[in-house]
Amino acid sequence: MCKIIAVANQKGGVAKTTSVRNMAYSLGELGKRVLAVDFDPQSNLTASFSEENKILKTTIADVMTKAMDEEGLPNRAEYIYTHGKINFMPSSIHLSVVEANLRMEMGSEKLLSNILEPLREEYDFILIDTNPSLGPLTINALSAADSVIIPINPEFYATMGLTDLTKTILKIRKRINPGIQFEGILMTMCDMQTNLHKEVCLEVTEAYGNGMKIFKVQIPRSIRVGEANRYGMSVVDFDKKSKAGLAYDEVAKELIGYGN
């Protein structure tokens, strides 16, 4: 049974893309069929998956445009690519044009859902990397998802905006997607030797732990993450002993335990 998970937070710099990339890799290594969807015009996930200078002719922007225009969608082989054990759906800067057009479209919240639903039978997990906003693209991602992971970087004001995000998700549950659940809060880029990070993690647990799952593992801050991204590799592939990579492995195991 496929589970579609949106990774969302309107704040930037919380490791959304890094988390999608490494969770996808870890799930693939655990034998799961995974599709990673880059739904951010910045296309950082696409850059981490695609070979340098390789031209990706068809992206999610093209597919969304055809769906908006009520045209037939391209053949899946044209917009689903392979990177190791992972399939991915790339993005491009043109997705920002799609976002602008979505604002003028009635009933456009389910366009991504209509694209992903027929793919459920082919995958165990579909992970959606979202852009840092609560605009039409994120609304589409949440409308398509079974659940949402909220990554949080435990810095000052880390929880700012979290209330708005949870309210948005609850509105989507009420009006568009009654099945969406909170998969959990994932603490990222943590240095638990600092008092600030300890305090923020405790604050998040106290504020949200009763009503929302918080992943048992915290993703540690590591230079290896940036280095791995630079070379288009997962953290574990780049450094098998990396604590961050091993932490993402544990997140994947939690997802399998909760998701299936």
C-alpha atoms as a PDB file:
ATOM      1  CA  MET A   1       0.000   0.000   0.000  1.00  0.00           C
ATOM      2  CA  CYS A   2       1.519   3.295  -1.113  1.00  0.00           C
ATOM      3  CA  LYS A   3       1.907   6.210   1.260  1.00  0.00           C
ATOM      4  CA  ILE A   4       2.265   9.753  -0.080  1.00  0.00           C
ATOM      5  CA  ILE A   5       4.172  12.005   2.323  1.00  0.00           C
ATOM      6  CA  ALA A   6       4.644  15.751   1.931  1.00  0.00           C
ATOM      7  CA  VAL A   7       7.671  17.255   3.666  1.00  0.00           C
ATOM      8  CA  ALA A   8       6.582  20.793   4.454  1.00  0.00           C
ATOM      9  CA  ASN A   9       7.493  23.888   6.421  1.00  0.00           C
ATOM     10  CA  GLN A  10       7.062  27.427   5.147  1.00  0.00           C
ATOM     11  CA  LYS A  11      10.369  28.351   6.778  1.00  0.00           C
ATOM     12  CA  GLY A  12      13.454  27.829   4.660  1.00  0.00           C
ATOM     13  CA  GLY A  13      16.689  26.330   5.930  1.00  0.00           C
ATOM     14  CA  VAL A  14      15.122  23.428   7.806  1.00  0.00           C
ATOM     15  CA  ALA A  15      16.559  20.645   5.595  1.00  0.00           C
ATOM     16  CA  LYS A  16      13.388  19.736   3.698  1.00  0.00           C
ATOM     17  CA  THR A  17      15.229  18.799   0.510  1.00  0.00           C
ATOM     18  CA  THR A  18      18.055  17.033   2.340  1.00  0.00           C
ATOM     19  CA  SER A  19      15.507  15.041   4.326  1.00  0.00           C
ATOM     20  CA  VAL A  20      13.538  13.979   1.240  1.00  0.00           C
ATOM     21  CA  ARG A  21      16.708  12.956  -0.544  1.00  0.00           C
ATOM     22  CA  ASN A  22      18.113  10.896   2.305  1.00  0.00           C
ATOM     23  CA  MET A  23      14.815   9.359   3.415  1.00  0.00           C
ATOM     24  CA  ALA A  24      14.210   8.283  -0.187  1.00  0.00           C
ATOM     25  CA  TYR A  25      17.655   6.691  -0.335  1.00  0.00           C
ATOM     26  CA  SER A  26      17.237   4.911   3.004  1.00  0.00           C
ATOM     27  CA  LEU A  27      13.782   3.608   2.076  1.00  0.00           C
ATOM     28  CA  GLY A  28      15.174   2.353  -1.229  1.00  0.00           C
ATOM     29  CA  GLU A  29      17.984   0.545   0.580  1.00  0.00           C
ATOM     30  CA  LEU A  30      15.348  -1.110   2.767  1.00  0.00           C
ATOM     31  CA  GLY A  31      13.726  -2.550  -0.343  1.00  0.00           C
ATOM     32  CA  LYS A  32      10.925  -0.035  -0.775  1.00  0.00           C
ATOM     33  CA  ARG A  33       9.839   1.360  -4.141  1.00  0.00           C
ATOM     34  CA  VAL A  34      10.256   5.118  -3.823  1.00  0.00           C
ATOM     35  CA  LEU A  35       9.306   8.112  -5.948  1.00  0.00           C
ATOM     36  CA  ALA A  36      10.690  11.510  -4.900  1.00  0.00           C
ATOM     37  CA  VAL A  37       8.774  14.495  -6.287  1.00  0.00           C
ATOM     38  CA  ASP A  38      10.543  17.854  -6.508  1.00  0.00           C
ATOM     39  CA  PHE A  39       7.693  20.342  -6.093  1.00  0.00           C
ATOM     40  CA  ASP A  40       9.871  23.379  -5.480  1.00  0.00           C
ATOM     41  CA  PRO A  41      10.804  25.826  -8.277  1.00  0.00           C
ATOM     42  CA  GLN A  42      14.296  26.103  -6.766  1.00  0.00           C
ATOM     43  CA  SER A  43      14.841  22.516  -8.004  1.00  0.00           C
ATOM     44  CA  ASN A  44      17.510  21.634  -5.450  1.00  0.00           C
ATOM     45  CA  LEU A  45      16.270  18.059  -5.151  1.00  0.00           C
ATOM     46  CA  THR A  46      16.437  17.716  -8.930  1.00  0.00           C
ATOM     47  CA  ALA A  47      20.019  18.979  -8.934  1.00  0.00           C
ATOM     48  CA  SER A  48      20.989  16.403  -6.319  1.00  0.00           C
ATOM     49  CA  PHE A  49      19.514  13.534  -8.344  1.00  0.00           C
ATOM     50  CA  SER A  50      20.360  14.452 -11.930  1.00  0.00           C
ATOM     51  CA  GLU A  51      23.726  14.176 -13.616  1.00  0.00           C
ATOM     52  CA  GLU A  52      25.551  17.453 -14.143  1.00  0.00           C
ATOM     53  CA  ASN A  53      24.619  19.127 -17.439  1.00  0.00           C
ATOM     54  CA  LYS A  54      21.984  16.465 -18.188  1.00  0.00           C
ATOM     55  CA  ILE A  55      18.925  18.042 -19.775  1.00  0.00           C
ATOM     56  CA  LEU A  56      15.637  16.917 -18.241  1.00  0.00           C
ATOM     57  CA  LYS A  57      13.198  17.656 -21.039  1.00  0.00           C
ATOM     58  CA  THR A  58       9.968  17.148 -19.118  1.00  0.00           C
ATOM     59  CA  THR A  59       9.446  18.236 -15.510  1.00  0.00           C
ATOM     60  CA  ILE A  60       6.583  18.435 -13.045  1.00  0.00           C
ATOM     61  CA  ALA A  61       5.996  21.991 -14.314  1.00  0.00           C
ATOM     62  CA  ASP A  62       5.137  20.609 -17.764  1.00  0.00           C
ATOM     63  CA  VAL A  63       2.896  17.920 -16.310  1.00  0.00           C
ATOM     64  CA  MET A  64       1.062  20.409 -14.079  1.00  0.00           C
ATOM     65  CA  THR A  65       0.564  22.755 -17.042  1.00  0.00           C
ATOM     66  CA  LYS A  66      -1.006  19.987 -19.109  1.00  0.00           C
ATOM     67  CA  ALA A  67      -3.225  19.012 -16.180  1.00  0.00           C
ATOM     68  CA  MET A  68      -4.292  22.648 -15.778  1.00  0.00           C
ATOM     69  CA  ASP A  69      -5.087  22.900 -19.477  1.00  0.00           C
ATOM     70  CA  GLU A  70      -6.988  19.593 -19.260  1.00  0.00           C
ATOM     71  CA  GLU A  71      -4.717  18.028 -21.849  1.00  0.00           C
ATOM     72  CA  GLY A  72      -3.515  14.439 -21.839  1.00  0.00           C
ATOM     73  CA  LEU A  73      -0.504  13.906 -19.591  1.00  0.00           C
ATOM     74  CA  PRO A  74       2.839  12.884 -21.101  1.00  0.00           C
ATOM     75  CA  ASN A  75       3.957   9.277 -20.979  1.00  0.00           C
ATOM     76  CA  ARG A  76       5.306   8.569 -17.493  1.00  0.00           C
ATOM     77  CA  ALA A  77       8.680   7.608 -18.910  1.00  0.00           C
ATOM     78  CA  GLU A  78       9.043  11.212 -20.082  1.00  0.00           C
ATOM     79  CA  TYR A  79       8.863  12.771 -16.617  1.00  0.00           C
ATOM     80  CA  ILE A  80       9.886  10.031 -14.182  1.00  0.00           C
ATOM     81  CA  TYR A  81      13.635   9.499 -14.043  1.00  0.00           C
ATOM     82  CA  THR A  82      15.851   7.025 -12.204  1.00  0.00           C
ATOM     83  CA  HIS A  83      18.718   7.632  -9.813  1.00  0.00           C
ATOM     84  CA  GLY A  84      20.038   4.380  -8.361  1.00  0.00           C
ATOM     85  CA  LYS A  85      17.157   2.657  -6.586  1.00  0.00           C
ATOM     86  CA  ILE A  86      15.049   5.815  -6.538  1.00  0.00           C
ATOM     87  CA  ASN A  87      12.677   7.235  -9.116  1.00  0.00           C
ATOM     88  CA  PHE A  88      12.270  10.995  -9.137  1.00  0.00           C
ATOM     89  CA  MET A  89      10.061  13.581 -10.770  1.00  0.00           C
ATOM     90  CA  PRO A  90      12.152  16.692 -11.499  1.00  0.00           C
ATOM     91  CA  SER A  91      11.256  20.347 -11.170  1.00  0.00           C
ATOM     92  CA  SER A  92      12.375  23.541 -12.874  1.00  0.00           C
ATOM     93  CA  ILE A  93      12.103  27.291 -12.415  1.00  0.00           C
ATOM     94  CA  HIS A  94       9.024  27.145 -14.676  1.00  0.00           C
ATOM     95  CA  LEU A  95       7.117  25.734 -11.714  1.00  0.00           C
ATOM     96  CA  SER A  96       7.008  29.305 -10.386  1.00  0.00           C
ATOM     97  CA  VAL A  97       4.937  30.236 -13.463  1.00  0.00           C
ATOM     98  CA  VAL A  98       2.651  27.308 -12.711  1.00  0.00           C
ATOM     99  CA  GLU A  99       2.244  28.600  -9.159  1.00  0.00           C
ATOM    100  CA  ALA A 100       1.198  32.022 -10.447  1.00  0.00           C
ATOM    101  CA  ASN A 101      -1.335  30.406 -12.778  1.00  0.00           C
ATOM    102  CA  LEU A 102      -2.707  28.216  -9.990  1.00  0.00           C
ATOM    103  CA  ARG A 103      -3.792  31.344  -8.137  1.00  0.00           C
ATOM    104  CA  MET A 104      -6.191  32.110 -10.990  1.00  0.00           C
ATOM    105  CA  GLU A 105      -7.522  28.560 -11.436  1.00  0.00           C
ATOM    106  CA  MET A 106     -10.721  27.422  -9.752  1.00  0.00           C
ATOM    107  CA  GLY A 107     -10.494  24.050  -8.053  1.00  0.00           C
ATOM    108  CA  SER A 108      -6.780  23.716  -8.745  1.00  0.00           C
ATOM    109  CA  GLU A 109      -5.912  22.268  -5.325  1.00  0.00           C
ATOM    110  CA  LYS A 110      -6.166  18.650  -6.514  1.00  0.00           C
ATOM    111  CA  LEU A 111      -4.075  18.854  -9.689  1.00  0.00           C
ATOM    112  CA  LEU A 112      -1.005  17.211  -8.141  1.00  0.00           C
ATOM    113  CA  SER A 113      -3.210  14.616  -6.479  1.00  0.00           C
ATOM    114  CA  ASN A 114      -4.690  13.710  -9.863  1.00  0.00           C
ATOM    115  CA  ILE A 115      -1.163  13.221 -11.224  1.00  0.00           C
ATOM    116  CA  LEU A 116       0.081  11.096  -8.315  1.00  0.00           C
ATOM    117  CA  GLU A 117      -2.957   8.926  -7.597  1.00  0.00           C
ATOM    118  CA  PRO A 118      -2.471   6.657 -10.668  1.00  0.00           C
ATOM    119  CA  LEU A 119       1.136   6.054  -9.531  1.00  0.00           C
ATOM    120  CA  ARG A 120       0.201   4.538  -6.173  1.00  0.00           C
ATOM    121  CA  GLU A 121       0.240   0.984  -7.468  1.00  0.00           C
ATOM    122  CA  GLU A 122       3.866   1.374  -8.581  1.00  0.00           C
ATOM    123  CA  TYR A 123       5.377   2.643  -5.319  1.00  0.00           C
ATOM    124  CA  ASP A 124       5.489   2.018  -1.593  1.00  0.00           C
ATOM    125  CA  PHE A 125       6.353   5.631  -0.783  1.00  0.00           C
ATOM    126  CA  ILE A 126       5.987   8.899  -2.685  1.00  0.00           C
ATOM    127  CA  LEU A 127       7.854  11.761  -0.995  1.00  0.00           C
ATOM    128  CA  ILE A 128       7.062  15.359  -1.983  1.00  0.00           C
ATOM    129  CA  ASP A 129       9.625  18.111  -1.445  1.00  0.00           C
ATOM    130  CA  THR A 130       7.745  21.407  -1.063  1.00  0.00           C
ATOM    131  CA  ASN A 131       8.730  25.045  -1.430  1.00  0.00           C
ATOM    132  CA  PRO A 132       9.096  27.298   1.640  1.00  0.00           C
ATOM    133  CA  SER A 133       5.673  28.946   1.574  1.00  0.00           C
ATOM    134  CA  LEU A 134       2.010  28.212   2.192  1.00  0.00           C
ATOM    135  CA  GLY A 135       1.063  29.103  -1.382  1.00  0.00           C
ATOM    136  CA  PRO A 136      -0.726  27.097  -4.089  1.00  0.00           C
ATOM    137  CA  LEU A 137       2.119  24.610  -4.603  1.00  0.00           C
ATOM    138  CA  THR A 138       2.236  23.617  -0.941  1.00  0.00           C
ATOM    139  CA  ILE A 139      -1.570  23.470  -0.841  1.00  0.00           C
ATOM    140  CA  ASN A 140      -1.446  21.073  -3.811  1.00  0.00           C
ATOM    141  CA  ALA A 141       1.182  18.934  -2.093  1.00  0.00           C
ATOM    142  CA  LEU A 142      -0.817  18.722   1.131  1.00  0.00           C
ATOM    143  CA  SER A 143      -4.004  17.981  -0.808  1.00  0.00           C
ATOM    144  CA  ALA A 144      -2.245  15.043  -2.472  1.00  0.00           C
ATOM    145  CA  ALA A 145      -0.609  13.654   0.669  1.00  0.00           C
ATOM    146  CA  ASP A 146      -1.652  10.959   3.101  1.00  0.00           C
ATOM    147  CA  SER A 147       0.538  12.568   5.740  1.00  0.00           C
ATOM    148  CA  VAL A 148       3.011  15.374   6.342  1.00  0.00           C
ATOM    149  CA  ILE A 149       6.445  15.473   7.935  1.00  0.00           C
ATOM    150  CA  ILE A 150       7.393  18.851   9.395  1.00  0.00           C
ATOM    151  CA  PRO A 151      11.170  19.332   9.648  1.00  0.00           C
ATOM    152  CA  ILE A 152      12.301  21.861  12.236  1.00  0.00           C
ATOM    153  CA  ASN A 153      15.758  23.310  12.776  1.00  0.00           C
ATOM    154  CA  PRO A 154      16.100  23.898  16.551  1.00  0.00           C
ATOM    155  CA  GLU A 155      17.240  27.499  16.352  1.00  0.00           C
ATOM    156  CA  PHE A 156      15.634  30.548  17.938  1.00  0.00           C
ATOM    157  CA  TYR A 157      12.140  31.112  16.474  1.00  0.00           C
ATOM    158  CA  ALA A 158      12.208  27.528  15.161  1.00  0.00           C
ATOM    159  CA  THR A 159       8.518  27.067  15.880  1.00  0.00           C
ATOM    160  CA  MET A 160       7.513  30.395  14.334  1.00  0.00           C
ATOM    161  CA  GLY A 161       5.009  29.604  11.629  1.00  0.00           C
ATOM    162  CA  LEU A 162       4.349  26.095  12.904  1.00  0.00           C
ATOM    163  CA  THR A 163       0.958  27.154  14.225  1.00  0.00           C
ATOM    164  CA  ASP A 164       0.047  28.603  10.812  1.00  0.00           C
ATOM    165  CA  LEU A 165       1.182  25.419   9.095  1.00  0.00           C
ATOM    166  CA  THR A 166      -0.819  23.156  11.392  1.00  0.00           C
ATOM    167  CA  LYS A 167      -3.900  25.366  10.935  1.00  0.00           C
ATOM    168  CA  THR A 168      -3.482  25.140   7.158  1.00  0.00           C
ATOM    169  CA  ILE A 169      -3.215  21.351   7.328  1.00  0.00           C
ATOM    170  CA  LEU A 170      -6.340  21.142   9.485  1.00  0.00           C
ATOM    171  CA  LYS A 171      -8.233  23.362   7.007  1.00  0.00           C
ATOM    172  CA  ILE A 172      -7.125  21.118   4.148  1.00  0.00           C
ATOM    173  CA  ARG A 173      -8.275  18.084   6.127  1.00  0.00           C
ATOM    174  CA  LYS A 174     -11.687  19.697   6.624  1.00  0.00           C
ATOM    175  CA  ARG A 175     -12.205  21.096   3.116  1.00  0.00           C
ATOM    176  CA  ILE A 176     -10.143  19.108   0.609  1.00  0.00           C
ATOM    177  CA  ASN A 177      -8.281  16.069   1.914  1.00  0.00           C
ATOM    178  CA  PRO A 178      -9.999  14.450   4.912  1.00  0.00           C
ATOM    179  CA  GLY A 179      -7.419  11.669   5.104  1.00  0.00           C
ATOM    180  CA  ILE A 180      -4.300  13.752   5.700  1.00  0.00           C
ATOM    181  CA  GLN A 181      -2.485  13.003   8.955  1.00  0.00           C
ATOM    182  CA  PHE A 182       0.494  14.431  10.796  1.00  0.00           C
ATOM    183  CA  GLU A 183       3.303  11.940  10.221  1.00  0.00           C
ATOM    184  CA  GLY A 184       5.396  13.839  12.718  1.00  0.00           C
ATOM    185  CA  ILE A 185       7.909  16.547  13.509  1.00  0.00           C
ATOM    186  CA  LEU A 186      11.497  15.809  12.496  1.00  0.00           C
ATOM    187  CA  MET A 187      14.208  17.735  14.315  1.00  0.00           C
ATOM    188  CA  THR A 188      17.036  18.472  11.869  1.00  0.00           C
ATOM    189  CA  MET A 189      20.509  20.016  11.989  1.00  0.00           C
ATOM    190  CA  CYS A 190      20.712  19.379  15.731  1.00  0.00           C
ATOM    191  CA  ASP A 191      23.728  19.946  17.930  1.00  0.00           C
ATOM    192  CA  MET A 192      22.604  18.546  21.251  1.00  0.00           C
ATOM    193  CA  GLN A 193      25.784  19.736  22.927  1.00  0.00           C
ATOM    194  CA  THR A 194      24.419  23.279  22.827  1.00  0.00           C
ATOM    195  CA  ASN A 195      21.936  24.485  25.419  1.00  0.00           C
ATOM    196  CA  LEU A 196      19.895  26.307  22.765  1.00  0.00           C
ATOM    197  CA  HIS A 197      19.194  23.157  20.754  1.00  0.00           C
ATOM    198  CA  LYS A 198      18.384  21.185  23.905  1.00  0.00           C
ATOM    199  CA  GLU A 199      15.962  23.894  25.028  1.00  0.00           C
ATOM    200  CA  VAL A 200      14.245  24.238  21.644  1.00  0.00           C
ATOM    201  CA  CYS A 201      13.828  20.470  21.266  1.00  0.00           C
ATOM    202  CA  LEU A 202      12.293  20.373  24.742  1.00  0.00           C
ATOM    203  CA  GLU A 203       9.982  23.287  23.893  1.00  0.00           C
ATOM    204  CA  VAL A 204       8.786  21.550  20.722  1.00  0.00           C
ATOM    205  CA  THR A 205       8.160  18.323  22.635  1.00  0.00           C
ATOM    206  CA  GLU A 206       6.229  20.121  25.370  1.00  0.00           C
ATOM    207  CA  ALA A 207       4.186  22.198  22.914  1.00  0.00           C
ATOM    208  CA  TYR A 208       3.355  19.508  20.348  1.00  0.00           C
ATOM    209  CA  GLY A 209       4.318  16.124  21.770  1.00  0.00           C
ATOM    210  CA  ASN A 210       0.887  15.309  23.185  1.00  0.00           C
ATOM    211  CA  GLY A 211      -1.017  15.857  19.952  1.00  0.00           C
ATOM    212  CA  MET A 212       1.592  15.045  17.345  1.00  0.00           C
ATOM    213  CA  LYS A 213       4.261  12.409  16.918  1.00  0.00           C
ATOM    214  CA  ILE A 214       7.852  13.611  17.175  1.00  0.00           C
ATOM    215  CA  PHE A 215      10.353  11.308  15.505  1.00  0.00           C
ATOM    216  CA  LYS A 216      12.491   9.466  18.029  1.00  0.00           C
ATOM    217  CA  VAL A 217      15.698  10.217  16.174  1.00  0.00           C
ATOM    218  CA  GLN A 218      17.101  13.705  15.676  1.00  0.00           C
ATOM    219  CA  ILE A 219      19.177  14.503  12.602  1.00  0.00           C
ATOM    220  CA  PRO A 220      22.549  15.830  13.812  1.00  0.00           C
ATOM    221  CA  ARG A 221      24.266  18.808  12.248  1.00  0.00           C
ATOM    222  CA  SER A 222      27.047  17.501  10.003  1.00  0.00           C
ATOM    223  CA  ILE A 223      29.365  18.898   7.353  1.00  0.00           C
ATOM    224  CA  ARG A 224      28.985  15.533   5.620  1.00  0.00           C
ATOM    225  CA  VAL A 225      25.431  16.454   4.611  1.00  0.00           C
ATOM    226  CA  GLY A 226      26.570  19.455   2.582  1.00  0.00           C
ATOM    227  CA  GLU A 227      29.461  17.514   1.084  1.00  0.00           C
ATOM    228  CA  ALA A 228      27.165  14.661   0.057  1.00  0.00           C
ATOM    229  CA  ASN A 229      24.712  17.102  -1.537  1.00  0.00           C
ATOM    230  CA  ARG A 230      27.571  18.669  -3.476  1.00  0.00           C
ATOM    231  CA  TYR A 231      28.368  15.331  -5.113  1.00  0.00           C
ATOM    232  CA  GLY A 232      24.765  14.211  -5.616  1.00  0.00           C
ATOM    233  CA  MET A 233      25.065  11.432  -3.062  1.00  0.00           C
ATOM    234  CA  SER A 234      23.140  10.358  -0.005  1.00  0.00           C
ATOM    235  CA  VAL A 235      24.944  10.970   3.268  1.00  0.00           C
ATOM    236  CA  VAL A 236      25.347   7.234   3.893  1.00  0.00           C
ATOM    237  CA  ASP A 237      26.792   6.696   0.422  1.00  0.00           C
ATOM    238  CA  PHE A 238      29.212   9.553   0.974  1.00  0.00           C
ATOM    239  CA  ASP A 239      30.250   8.415   4.451  1.00  0.00           C
ATOM    240  CA  LYS A 240      28.923   5.107   5.749  1.00  0.00           C
ATOM    241  CA  LYS A 241      29.785   6.123   9.325  1.00  0.00           C
ATOM    242  CA  SER A 242      28.069   9.503   9.146  1.00  0.00           C
ATOM    243  CA  LYS A 243      25.797  10.030  12.140  1.00  0.00           C
ATOM    244  CA  ALA A 244      23.403  12.069   9.992  1.00  0.00           C
ATOM    245  CA  GLY A 245      23.140   9.276   7.428  1.00  0.00           C
ATOM    246  CA  LEU A 246      22.532   6.665  10.098  1.00  0.00           C
ATOM    247  CA  ALA A 247      19.879   8.930  11.621  1.00  0.00           C
ATOM    248  CA  TYR A 248      18.013   9.086   8.300  1.00  0.00           C
ATOM    249  CA  ASP A 249      18.167   5.293   8.182  1.00  0.00           C
ATOM    250  CA  GLU A 250      16.368   5.262  11.527  1.00  0.00           C
ATOM    251  CA  VAL A 251      13.747   7.717  10.247  1.00  0.00           C
ATOM    252  CA  ALA A 252      13.109   5.397   7.292  1.00  0.00           C
ATOM    253  CA  LYS A 253      12.641   2.468   9.659  1.00  0.00           C
ATOM    254  CA  GLU A 254      10.158   4.512  11.683  1.00  0.00           C
ATOM    255  CA  LEU A 255       8.253   5.339   8.494  1.00  0.00           C
ATOM    256  CA  ILE A 256       8.035   1.699   7.554  1.00  0.00           C
ATOM    257  CA  GLY A 257       6.859   0.843  11.046  1.00  0.00           C
ATOM    258  CA  TYR A 258       4.212   3.567  11.083  1.00  0.00           C
ATOM    259  CA  GLY A 259       3.335   3.504   7.415  1.00  0.00           C
ATOM    260  CA  ASN A 260       2.765  -0.169   6.647  1.00  0.00           C
END
